[in-house]
Amino acid sequence: MERQQNQNQVKKIMFKDGKMYFTKETERRIFFFMTLIVLASGAVIKLF
């Protein structure tokens, strides 16, 4: 039973041949948080 569940799960980050591959959902989440960080840092810099 556990083996079937593990086979159905997709890894979010995968390394193959020295390269890193993401799922679309993981890539969107990373870039969303990066965008929030850039917006927040821009707002903080603008205030000072």
PDB file of N, CA and C in Angstrom:
ATOM      1  N   MET A   1       0.824  -1.195   0.000  1.00  0.00           N
ATOM      2  CA  MET A   1       0.000   0.000   0.000  1.00  0.00           C
ATOM      3  C   MET A   1       0.875   1.268   0.000  1.00  0.00           C
ATOM      4  N   GLU A   2       1.890   1.282   0.887  1.00  0.00           N
ATOM      5  CA  GLU A   2       2.774   2.438   0.944  1.00  0.00           C
ATOM      6  C   GLU A   2       3.559   2.612  -0.343  1.00  0.00           C
ATOM      7  N   ARG A   3       3.947   1.520  -0.941  1.00  0.00           N
ATOM      8  CA  ARG A   3       4.727   1.572  -2.179  1.00  0.00           C
ATOM      9  C   ARG A   3       3.915   2.231  -3.291  1.00  0.00           C
ATOM     10  N   GLN A   4       2.626   1.944  -3.371  1.00  0.00           N
ATOM     11  CA  GLN A   4       1.780   2.544  -4.407  1.00  0.00           C
ATOM     12  C   GLN A   4       1.655   4.042  -4.186  1.00  0.00           C
ATOM     13  N   GLN A   5       1.533   4.472  -2.932  1.00  0.00           N
ATOM     14  CA  GLN A   5       1.428   5.903  -2.652  1.00  0.00           C
ATOM     15  C   GLN A   5       2.724   6.614  -3.010  1.00  0.00           C
ATOM     16  N   ASN A   6       3.869   6.007  -2.713  1.00  0.00           N
ATOM     17  CA  ASN A   6       5.153   6.627  -3.032  1.00  0.00           C
ATOM     18  C   ASN A   6       5.371   6.735  -4.537  1.00  0.00           C
ATOM     19  N   GLN A   7       4.898   5.784  -5.313  1.00  0.00           N
ATOM     20  CA  GLN A   7       5.052   5.834  -6.763  1.00  0.00           C
ATOM     21  C   GLN A   7       4.184   6.915  -7.375  1.00  0.00           C
ATOM     22  N   ASN A   8       3.035   7.217  -6.766  1.00  0.00           N
ATOM     23  CA  ASN A   8       2.130   8.228  -7.303  1.00  0.00           C
ATOM     24  C   ASN A   8       2.590   9.645  -6.974  1.00  0.00           C
ATOM     25  N   GLN A   9       3.431   9.806  -5.942  1.00  0.00           N
ATOM     26  CA  GLN A   9       3.902  11.125  -5.564  1.00  0.00           C
ATOM     27  C   GLN A   9       4.982  11.584  -6.545  1.00  0.00           C
ATOM     28  N   VAL A  10       4.905  12.855  -6.914  1.00  0.00           N
ATOM     29  CA  VAL A  10       5.888  13.428  -7.825  1.00  0.00           C
ATOM     30  C   VAL A  10       6.813  14.306  -6.999  1.00  0.00           C
ATOM     31  N   LYS A  11       8.124  14.188  -7.215  1.00  0.00           N
ATOM     32  CA  LYS A  11       9.079  15.014  -6.499  1.00  0.00           C
ATOM     33  C   LYS A  11       8.966  16.444  -6.996  1.00  0.00           C
ATOM     34  N   LYS A  12       9.025  17.397  -6.066  1.00  0.00           N
ATOM     35  CA  LYS A  12       8.911  18.803  -6.436  1.00  0.00           C
ATOM     36  C   LYS A  12      10.210  19.327  -7.032  1.00  0.00           C
ATOM     37  N   ILE A  13      11.347  18.840  -6.523  1.00  0.00           N
ATOM     38  CA  ILE A  13      12.650  19.231  -7.050  1.00  0.00           C
ATOM     39  C   ILE A  13      13.414  17.951  -7.386  1.00  0.00           C
ATOM     40  N   MET A  14      13.965  17.895  -8.590  1.00  0.00           N
ATOM     41  CA  MET A  14      14.665  16.693  -9.021  1.00  0.00           C
ATOM     42  C   MET A  14      16.017  17.085  -9.614  1.00  0.00           C
ATOM     43  N   PHE A  15      17.057  16.366  -9.242  1.00  0.00           N
ATOM     44  CA  PHE A  15      18.389  16.572  -9.804  1.00  0.00           C
ATOM     45  C   PHE A  15      18.669  15.463 -10.797  1.00  0.00           C
ATOM     46  N   LYS A  16      19.100  15.851 -11.989  1.00  0.00           N
ATOM     47  CA  LYS A  16      19.426  14.865 -13.015  1.00  0.00           C
ATOM     48  C   LYS A  16      20.531  15.434 -13.884  1.00  0.00           C
ATOM     49  N   ASP A  17      21.596  14.687 -14.050  1.00  0.00           N
ATOM     50  CA  ASP A  17      22.738  15.086 -14.886  1.00  0.00           C
ATOM     51  C   ASP A  17      23.298  16.448 -14.470  1.00  0.00           C
ATOM     52  N   GLY A  18      23.329  16.722 -13.176  1.00  0.00           N
ATOM     53  CA  GLY A  18      23.890  17.979 -12.685  1.00  0.00           C
ATOM     54  C   GLY A  18      22.973  19.173 -12.860  1.00  0.00           C
ATOM     55  N   LYS A  19      21.736  18.954 -13.240  1.00  0.00           N
ATOM     56  CA  LYS A  19      20.768  20.044 -13.410  1.00  0.00           C
ATOM     57  C   LYS A  19      19.631  19.869 -12.418  1.00  0.00           C
ATOM     58  N   MET A  20      18.985  20.976 -12.082  1.00  0.00           N
ATOM     59  CA  MET A  20      17.873  20.952 -11.150  1.00  0.00           C
ATOM     60  C   MET A  20      16.573  21.200 -11.918  1.00  0.00           C
ATOM     61  N   TYR A  21      15.600  20.334 -11.721  1.00  0.00           N
ATOM     62  CA  TYR A  21      14.313  20.455 -12.388  1.00  0.00           C
ATOM     63  C   TYR A  21      13.223  20.651 -11.347  1.00  0.00           C
ATOM     64  N   PHE A  22      12.254  21.539 -11.649  1.00  0.00           N
ATOM     65  CA  PHE A  22      11.136  21.830 -10.766  1.00  0.00           C
ATOM     66  C   PHE A  22       9.832  21.442 -11.439  1.00  0.00           C
ATOM     67  N   THR A  23       8.816  21.197 -10.622  1.00  0.00           N
ATOM     68  CA  THR A  23       7.474  21.080 -11.175  1.00  0.00           C
ATOM     69  C   THR A  23       6.979  22.504 -11.441  1.00  0.00           C
ATOM     70  N   LYS A  24       5.956  22.635 -12.246  1.00  0.00           N
ATOM     71  CA  LYS A  24       5.419  23.967 -12.541  1.00  0.00           C
ATOM     72  C   LYS A  24       4.927  24.655 -11.273  1.00  0.00           C
ATOM     73  N   GLU A  25       4.291  23.884 -10.407  1.00  0.00           N
ATOM     74  CA  GLU A  25       3.761  24.458  -9.162  1.00  0.00           C
ATOM     75  C   GLU A  25       4.887  24.985  -8.275  1.00  0.00           C
ATOM     76  N   THR A  26       5.968  24.240  -8.171  1.00  0.00           N
ATOM     77  CA  THR A  26       7.097  24.666  -7.349  1.00  0.00           C
ATOM     78  C   THR A  26       7.754  25.902  -7.936  1.00  0.00           C
ATOM     79  N   GLU A  27       7.906  25.940  -9.245  1.00  0.00           N
ATOM     80  CA  GLU A  27       8.515  27.105  -9.894  1.00  0.00           C
ATOM     81  C   GLU A  27       7.659  28.352  -9.678  1.00  0.00           C
ATOM     82  N   ARG A  28       6.373  28.226  -9.811  1.00  0.00           N
ATOM     83  CA  ARG A  28       5.477  29.372  -9.586  1.00  0.00           C
ATOM     84  C   ARG A  28       5.559  29.861  -8.148  1.00  0.00           C
ATOM     85  N   ARG A  29       5.621  28.922  -7.200  1.00  0.00           N
ATOM     86  CA  ARG A  29       5.691  29.292  -5.787  1.00  0.00           C
ATOM     87  C   ARG A  29       7.005  30.010  -5.485  1.00  0.00           C
ATOM     88  N   ILE A  30       8.120  29.536  -6.034  1.00  0.00           N
ATOM     89  CA  ILE A  30       9.419  30.178  -5.812  1.00  0.00           C
ATOM     90  C   ILE A  30       9.414  31.602  -6.359  1.00  0.00           C
ATOM     91  N   PHE A  31       8.948  31.767  -7.590  1.00  0.00           N
ATOM     92  CA  PHE A  31       8.948  33.103  -8.185  1.00  0.00           C
ATOM     93  C   PHE A  31       7.944  34.034  -7.509  1.00  0.00           C
ATOM     94  N   PHE A  32       6.849  33.494  -6.973  1.00  0.00           N
ATOM     95  CA  PHE A  32       5.893  34.319  -6.234  1.00  0.00           C
ATOM     96  C   PHE A  32       6.552  34.888  -4.980  1.00  0.00           C
ATOM     97  N   PHE A  33       7.249  34.044  -4.222  1.00  0.00           N
ATOM     98  CA  PHE A  33       7.910  34.526  -3.012  1.00  0.00           C
ATOM     99  C   PHE A  33       9.057  35.470  -3.340  1.00  0.00           C
ATOM    100  N   MET A  34       9.768  35.217  -4.427  1.00  0.00           N
ATOM    101  CA  MET A  34      10.827  36.138  -4.834  1.00  0.00           C
ATOM    102  C   MET A  34      10.242  37.505  -5.197  1.00  0.00           C
ATOM    103  N   THR A  35       9.100  37.521  -5.850  1.00  0.00           N
ATOM    104  CA  THR A  35       8.439  38.775  -6.197  1.00  0.00           C
ATOM    105  C   THR A  35       8.015  39.533  -4.946  1.00  0.00           C
ATOM    106  N   LEU A  36       7.469  38.811  -3.965  1.00  0.00           N
ATOM    107  CA  LEU A  36       7.084  39.458  -2.707  1.00  0.00           C
ATOM    108  C   LEU A  36       8.297  40.058  -2.001  1.00  0.00           C
ATOM    109  N   ILE A  37       9.416  39.357  -2.025  1.00  0.00           N
ATOM    110  CA  ILE A  37      10.629  39.860  -1.386  1.00  0.00           C
ATOM    111  C   ILE A  37      11.112  41.136  -2.078  1.00  0.00           C
ATOM    112  N   VAL A  38      11.092  41.150  -3.397  1.00  0.00           N
ATOM    113  CA  VAL A  38      11.526  42.339  -4.144  1.00  0.00           C
ATOM    114  C   VAL A  38      10.587  43.512  -3.879  1.00  0.00           C
ATOM    115  N   LEU A  39       9.294  43.266  -3.852  1.00  0.00           N
ATOM    116  CA  LEU A  39       8.339  44.346  -3.571  1.00  0.00           C
ATOM    117  C   LEU A  39       8.503  44.888  -2.162  1.00  0.00           C
ATOM    118  N   ALA A  40       8.683  43.994  -1.197  1.00  0.00           N
ATOM    119  CA  ALA A  40       8.854  44.426   0.188  1.00  0.00           C
ATOM    120  C   ALA A  40      10.155  45.212   0.360  1.00  0.00           C
ATOM    121  N   SER A  41      11.230  44.740  -0.245  1.00  0.00           N
ATOM    122  CA  SER A  41      12.506  45.453  -0.117  1.00  0.00           C
ATOM    123  C   SER A  41      12.430  46.821  -0.815  1.00  0.00           C
ATOM    124  N   GLY A  42      11.734  46.897  -1.929  1.00  0.00           N
ATOM    125  CA  GLY A  42      11.553  48.180  -2.600  1.00  0.00           C
ATOM    126  C   GLY A  42      10.772  49.159  -1.763  1.00  0.00           C
ATOM    127  N   ALA A  43       9.739  48.665  -1.072  1.00  0.00           N
ATOM    128  CA  ALA A  43       8.932  49.528  -0.200  1.00  0.00           C
ATOM    129  C   ALA A  43       9.766  50.007   0.978  1.00  0.00           C
ATOM    130  N   VAL A  44      10.575  49.136   1.554  1.00  0.00           N
ATOM    131  CA  VAL A  44      11.404  49.517   2.699  1.00  0.00           C
ATOM    132  C   VAL A  44      12.454  50.539   2.268  1.00  0.00           C
ATOM    133  N   ILE A  45      13.075  50.341   1.136  1.00  0.00           N
ATOM    134  CA  ILE A  45      14.080  51.284   0.643  1.00  0.00           C
ATOM    135  C   ILE A  45      13.445  52.645   0.346  1.00  0.00           C
ATOM    136  N   LYS A  46      12.247  52.618  -0.200  1.00  0.00           N
ATOM    137  CA  LYS A  46      11.546  53.866  -0.530  1.00  0.00           C
ATOM    138  C   LYS A  46      11.226  54.676   0.733  1.00  0.00           C
ATOM    139  N   LEU A  47      10.950  53.969   1.824  1.00  0.00           N
ATOM    140  CA  LEU A  47      10.620  54.661   3.071  1.00  0.00           C
ATOM    141  C   LEU A  47      11.826  55.342   3.694  1.00  0.00           C
ATOM    142  N   PHE A  48      13.015  54.805   3.485  1.00  0.00           N
ATOM    143  CA  PHE A  48      14.216  55.370   4.091  1.00  0.00           C
ATOM    144  C   PHE A  48      14.884  56.208   3.098  1.00  0.00           C
TER     145      PHE A  48
END
